[in-house]
Amino acid sequence: MIMLAGAFALPAGARSGEGPLDTAWLDRAWDFDRPAESEARFREKLDSLQGAPRLELLTQIARAQGLQREFAAAQAMLDGVARELAGTPPRVAVRCLLERGRVFNSSGQPERSLPLFREALDQARDAGEDFLAIDAAHMLGIAAPPEERLQWNLAAVAMTEATRDARAKRWLASLYNNIGWTYHDRGEYAIALAYFEKALPAWQARADARGVRIAYWSIARAERSLGRLDEALAIQERLERECAAAGEPDGYVYEELGEIMLAKGDSTGARRNFAQAHVLLGQDKGLQAGAPERLARLKRLGGVE
């Protein structure tokens, strides 16, 4: 607690009047596949900030901690931010609500996240913070009960299409992806595929290589669900080559290759890919905690001793 008190101390007169955190820098600094590295970049930046921008960045450190499943540390960080909210712009409180909600959702408590996301949405709308309002609606589309997710995602799309904020419009790629998965979970694979295909050019327009790979992976996954195994296989094999060339092998790609080959009756190829998927995904703390049966299946199908 002594460390937290020091971390959140603000200079006199620094409660209001600061501009927002540099979101262009923030977008560059975030790597959601490497949250520990993102957290390190954020901490390096802290000394150059004060007041509201510093508090905003602390919420992003909490987000990075949550992605590393350091939930207690993330909540402690947000507790410190909450104690310093008086006199700060509304966006700081919105960020605090959003990140606390994400921590609850990621730690398997979505029911505790929902009122936080709803409050974040209301406050962001009132403050004219379109990007954060869409973020809140998009999180409701993830954390809400299954029967409510589609309406929240469609509401977020409508907000994104209506905004004049260029950065907020970047949400379309993620939203199309999420809507696709909502339809996929409902067994409506053709509609899911259509949304995954809409997400692809949206990711490409953002020049987001990670998002483009996710879009292609999702398209291939829907193709497999539709029984189009050759089409799905061609995409996943290309992703395997691209990831290997980049020195970033992807366990989810190997898992899908295993599933496709299993469906095609290629037991040898399936076993090889499941084994590789188990090596890579077995290191994922999120899967270890949330889907141990999935890892156990990969181990069994991969013939891993």
Foldseek 3Di string as FASTA:
>chain_A
DVVLVVLQDADPPQADDDDAAPVVVVVVLDDLVCLVSSLVVLVVCLVVDGHLNNLLSLLSNLLSCLSVVVLVVSVVSLVSSVVSNPSHDLVSLLSSLLSNLVSCVLVPNLVVNLVSLVVSLVSCVVRVVLLSNLSSLQVCLVSPPLVCNLVSLVVSQVSLVPDPDPVSVLCLLVSLQSNLVSCVVVVNLVSSLVSLVVSQVSCVVVVNPVSNLVSLQSNLVSCVSVVVLVSSLVSLVVSQVVCVVVVHGDLVSLQVQLVSCVVVVNLVSNLCSLQVSLVVCVVNPSCVPPPVVVSVVSCVSNVPD
